[in-house]
């Protein structure tokens, strides 16, 4: 349901409602680890970007991305964003080698943004997705 609000699929787009629902998912004992880890990763993106309902907090984003990559069902999205933040030093020490490793792991799990980022890195692009400024 949170994704439907986030992307406006069948419902009016409402990032605030999506944020609220992702928060409920990660705090629920009755939802499986896969869904919780994906919700952590998506919630982390809100903290990474900031907005009217979630103040920018890269430390919180990193914590959510890290937690989303743990357990038996790691989130490829969380792994990509953890790698991305590590690659650029966003809320965590910059380490392009470690960042690339994490992005590559996410790519190997089929994460589309990670697949593109690895292509960008290998081609020598200075900024993957035009970020890192």
C-alpha atoms as a PDB file:
ATOM      1  CA  UNK A   1       0.000   0.000   0.000  1.00  0.00           C
ATOM      2  CA  UNK A   2       2.871   2.364   0.801  1.00  0.00           C
ATOM      3  CA  UNK A   3       4.258   1.941  -2.727  1.00  0.00           C
ATOM      4  CA  UNK A   4       0.855   2.750  -4.191  1.00  0.00           C
ATOM      5  CA  UNK A   5       0.828   6.043  -2.295  1.00  0.00           C
ATOM      6  CA  UNK A   6       4.481   6.740  -3.051  1.00  0.00           C
ATOM      7  CA  UNK A   7       4.079   6.359  -6.810  1.00  0.00           C
ATOM      8  CA  UNK A   8       0.405   7.322  -7.161  1.00  0.00           C
ATOM      9  CA  UNK A   9      -0.671   3.956  -8.549  1.00  0.00           C
ATOM     10  CA  UNK A  10      -4.445   3.724  -8.318  1.00  0.00           C
ATOM     11  CA  UNK A  11      -4.392   6.313  -5.533  1.00  0.00           C
ATOM     12  CA  UNK A  12      -3.502   9.953  -5.317  1.00  0.00           C
ATOM     13  CA  UNK A  13       0.251  10.290  -4.872  1.00  0.00           C
ATOM     14  CA  UNK A  14       0.926  11.001  -1.200  1.00  0.00           C
ATOM     15  CA  UNK A  15       4.547  10.763  -0.050  1.00  0.00           C
ATOM     16  CA  UNK A  16       3.584  11.591   3.528  1.00  0.00           C
ATOM     17  CA  UNK A  17       1.155   8.657   3.699  1.00  0.00           C
ATOM     18  CA  UNK A  18       3.759   6.378   2.095  1.00  0.00           C
ATOM     19  CA  UNK A  19       6.328   7.475   4.693  1.00  0.00           C
ATOM     20  CA  UNK A  20       3.851   6.740   7.497  1.00  0.00           C
ATOM     21  CA  UNK A  21       3.064   3.277   6.113  1.00  0.00           C
ATOM     22  CA  UNK A  22       6.733   2.339   5.573  1.00  0.00           C
ATOM     23  CA  UNK A  23       7.344   3.343   9.201  1.00  0.00           C
ATOM     24  CA  UNK A  24       4.546   1.058  10.359  1.00  0.00           C
ATOM     25  CA  UNK A  25       5.912  -1.851   8.308  1.00  0.00           C
ATOM     26  CA  UNK A  26       9.401  -1.659   9.788  1.00  0.00           C
ATOM     27  CA  UNK A  27       7.975  -1.583  13.313  1.00  0.00           C
ATOM     28  CA  UNK A  28       5.584  -4.502  12.881  1.00  0.00           C
ATOM     29  CA  UNK A  29       6.321  -7.925  14.341  1.00  0.00           C
ATOM     30  CA  UNK A  30       3.834  -9.605  12.006  1.00  0.00           C
ATOM     31  CA  UNK A  31       5.436  -8.626   8.673  1.00  0.00           C
ATOM     32  CA  UNK A  32       8.136 -10.808   7.113  1.00  0.00           C
ATOM     33  CA  UNK A  33      11.779  -9.767   6.945  1.00  0.00           C
ATOM     34  CA  UNK A  34      11.804  -9.277   3.154  1.00  0.00           C
ATOM     35  CA  UNK A  35       9.009  -6.695   3.287  1.00  0.00           C
ATOM     36  CA  UNK A  36      10.517  -5.004   6.323  1.00  0.00           C
ATOM     37  CA  UNK A  37      13.948  -4.707   4.703  1.00  0.00           C
ATOM     38  CA  UNK A  38      12.477  -3.251   1.530  1.00  0.00           C
ATOM     39  CA  UNK A  39      10.434  -0.782   3.594  1.00  0.00           C
ATOM     40  CA  UNK A  40      13.601   0.197   5.526  1.00  0.00           C
ATOM     41  CA  UNK A  41      15.409   0.901   2.251  1.00  0.00           C
ATOM     42  CA  UNK A  42      12.526   2.979   0.891  1.00  0.00           C
ATOM     43  CA  UNK A  43      12.176   4.868   4.151  1.00  0.00           C
ATOM     44  CA  UNK A  44      15.912   5.512   4.074  1.00  0.00           C
ATOM     45  CA  UNK A  45      15.546   7.267   0.718  1.00  0.00           C
ATOM     46  CA  UNK A  46      13.133   9.740   2.309  1.00  0.00           C
ATOM     47  CA  UNK A  47      15.697  10.592   4.986  1.00  0.00           C
ATOM     48  CA  UNK A  48      18.445  10.823   2.389  1.00  0.00           C
ATOM     49  CA  UNK A  49      16.487  13.342   0.320  1.00  0.00           C
ATOM     50  CA  UNK A  50      14.566  15.135   3.059  1.00  0.00           C
ATOM     51  CA  UNK A  51      11.199  16.739   2.502  1.00  0.00           C
ATOM     52  CA  UNK A  52       8.224  18.328   4.127  1.00  0.00           C
ATOM     53  CA  UNK A  53       7.414  15.256   6.246  1.00  0.00           C
ATOM     54  CA  UNK A  54      10.922  13.864   6.807  1.00  0.00           C
ATOM     55  CA  UNK A  55      13.798  16.162   7.627  1.00  0.00           C
ATOM     56  CA  UNK A  56      16.998  15.260   5.804  1.00  0.00           C
ATOM     57  CA  UNK A  57      18.975  12.967   8.081  1.00  0.00           C
ATOM     58  CA  UNK A  58      21.775  11.062   6.364  1.00  0.00           C
ATOM     59  CA  UNK A  59      22.701   9.260   9.588  1.00  0.00           C
ATOM     60  CA  UNK A  60      19.176   7.845   9.847  1.00  0.00           C
ATOM     61  CA  UNK A  61      19.231   6.976   6.147  1.00  0.00           C
ATOM     62  CA  UNK A  62      22.519   5.078   6.540  1.00  0.00           C
ATOM     63  CA  UNK A  63      21.211   3.230   9.609  1.00  0.00           C
ATOM     64  CA  UNK A  64      18.108   2.156   7.682  1.00  0.00           C
ATOM     65  CA  UNK A  65      20.119   1.112   4.614  1.00  0.00           C
ATOM     66  CA  UNK A  66      22.504  -0.895   6.816  1.00  0.00           C
ATOM     67  CA  UNK A  67      19.679  -2.654   8.643  1.00  0.00           C
ATOM     68  CA  UNK A  68      17.886  -3.358   5.346  1.00  0.00           C
ATOM     69  CA  UNK A  69      20.884  -5.370   4.118  1.00  0.00           C
ATOM     70  CA  UNK A  70      20.986  -7.711   7.116  1.00  0.00           C
ATOM     71  CA  UNK A  71      19.343 -11.057   7.671  1.00  0.00           C
ATOM     72  CA  UNK A  72      18.353 -13.758   5.234  1.00  0.00           C
ATOM     73  CA  UNK A  73      16.417 -11.390   2.948  1.00  0.00           C
ATOM     74  CA  UNK A  74      18.661  -8.384   2.296  1.00  0.00           C
ATOM     75  CA  UNK A  75      17.158  -5.554   0.281  1.00  0.00           C
ATOM     76  CA  UNK A  76      18.960  -4.984  -3.012  1.00  0.00           C
ATOM     77  CA  UNK A  77      17.616  -1.412  -2.961  1.00  0.00           C
ATOM     78  CA  UNK A  78      19.085  -0.833   0.497  1.00  0.00           C
ATOM     79  CA  UNK A  79      22.371  -2.370  -0.612  1.00  0.00           C
ATOM     80  CA  UNK A  80      22.457  -0.076  -3.654  1.00  0.00           C
ATOM     81  CA  UNK A  81      21.815   3.042  -1.569  1.00  0.00           C
ATOM     82  CA  UNK A  82      24.318   2.007   1.093  1.00  0.00           C
ATOM     83  CA  UNK A  83      26.872   1.546  -1.683  1.00  0.00           C
ATOM     84  CA  UNK A  84      25.880   4.823  -3.287  1.00  0.00           C
ATOM     85  CA  UNK A  85      26.274   6.711  -0.002  1.00  0.00           C
ATOM     86  CA  UNK A  86      29.598   4.987   0.678  1.00  0.00           C
ATOM     87  CA  UNK A  87      30.820   5.742  -2.847  1.00  0.00           C
ATOM     88  CA  UNK A  88      30.101   9.459  -2.393  1.00  0.00           C
ATOM     89  CA  UNK A  89      30.652   9.792   1.359  1.00  0.00           C
ATOM     90  CA  UNK A  90      27.057  10.794   2.095  1.00  0.00           C
ATOM     91  CA  UNK A  91      26.577  10.348   5.846  1.00  0.00           C
ATOM     92  CA  UNK A  92      29.367   7.758   5.940  1.00  0.00           C
ATOM     93  CA  UNK A  93      33.084   7.749   5.210  1.00  0.00           C
ATOM     94  CA  UNK A  94      33.773   7.920   1.480  1.00  0.00           C
ATOM     95  CA  UNK A  95      35.169   4.672   0.130  1.00  0.00           C
ATOM     96  CA  UNK A  96      34.785   4.232  -3.611  1.00  0.00           C
ATOM     97  CA  UNK A  97      36.062   0.624  -3.534  1.00  0.00           C
ATOM     98  CA  UNK A  98      33.637  -0.485  -0.805  1.00  0.00           C
ATOM     99  CA  UNK A  99      30.837   1.545  -2.390  1.00  0.00           C
ATOM    100  CA  UNK A 100      31.430  -0.152  -5.729  1.00  0.00           C
ATOM    101  CA  UNK A 101      31.434  -3.579  -4.044  1.00  0.00           C
ATOM    102  CA  UNK A 102      28.054  -2.898  -2.436  1.00  0.00           C
ATOM    103  CA  UNK A 103      26.587  -1.524  -5.660  1.00  0.00           C
ATOM    104  CA  UNK A 104      27.893  -4.580  -7.527  1.00  0.00           C
ATOM    105  CA  UNK A 105      26.256  -6.918  -4.978  1.00  0.00           C
ATOM    106  CA  UNK A 106      22.971  -5.083  -5.500  1.00  0.00           C
ATOM    107  CA  UNK A 107      23.421  -5.351  -9.282  1.00  0.00           C
ATOM    108  CA  UNK A 108      24.011  -9.104  -8.936  1.00  0.00           C
ATOM    109  CA  UNK A 109      20.674  -9.280  -7.117  1.00  0.00           C
ATOM    110  CA  UNK A 110      19.036  -7.597 -10.125  1.00  0.00           C
ATOM    111  CA  UNK A 111      18.594  -4.088  -8.723  1.00  0.00           C
ATOM    112  CA  UNK A 112      18.110  -1.904 -11.863  1.00  0.00           C
ATOM    113  CA  UNK A 113      19.704   1.313 -10.554  1.00  0.00           C
ATOM    114  CA  UNK A 114      22.712  -0.689  -9.351  1.00  0.00           C
ATOM    115  CA  UNK A 115      23.097  -2.358 -12.745  1.00  0.00           C
ATOM    116  CA  UNK A 116      23.195   1.075 -14.403  1.00  0.00           C
ATOM    117  CA  UNK A 117      25.537   2.469 -11.748  1.00  0.00           C
ATOM    118  CA  UNK A 118      28.035  -0.363 -12.286  1.00  0.00           C
ATOM    119  CA  UNK A 119      27.962   0.341 -16.032  1.00  0.00           C
ATOM    120  CA  UNK A 120      28.581   4.020 -15.279  1.00  0.00           C
ATOM    121  CA  UNK A 121      31.461   3.254 -12.906  1.00  0.00           C
ATOM    122  CA  UNK A 122      33.094   0.816 -15.334  1.00  0.00           C
ATOM    123  CA  UNK A 123      32.804   3.280 -18.199  1.00  0.00           C
ATOM    124  CA  UNK A 124      34.706   5.844 -16.139  1.00  0.00           C
ATOM    125  CA  UNK A 125      31.808   8.227 -15.556  1.00  0.00           C
ATOM    126  CA  UNK A 126      32.745  10.630 -12.787  1.00  0.00           C
ATOM    127  CA  UNK A 127      29.253  10.900 -11.368  1.00  0.00           C
ATOM    128  CA  UNK A 128      26.867   7.976 -11.327  1.00  0.00           C
ATOM    129  CA  UNK A 129      23.374   9.305 -11.915  1.00  0.00           C
ATOM    130  CA  UNK A 130      24.792  12.830 -12.002  1.00  0.00           C
ATOM    131  CA  UNK A 131      25.202  12.822  -8.230  1.00  0.00           C
ATOM    132  CA  UNK A 132      28.173  13.149  -5.944  1.00  0.00           C
ATOM    133  CA  UNK A 133      28.588  16.878  -6.133  1.00  0.00           C
END
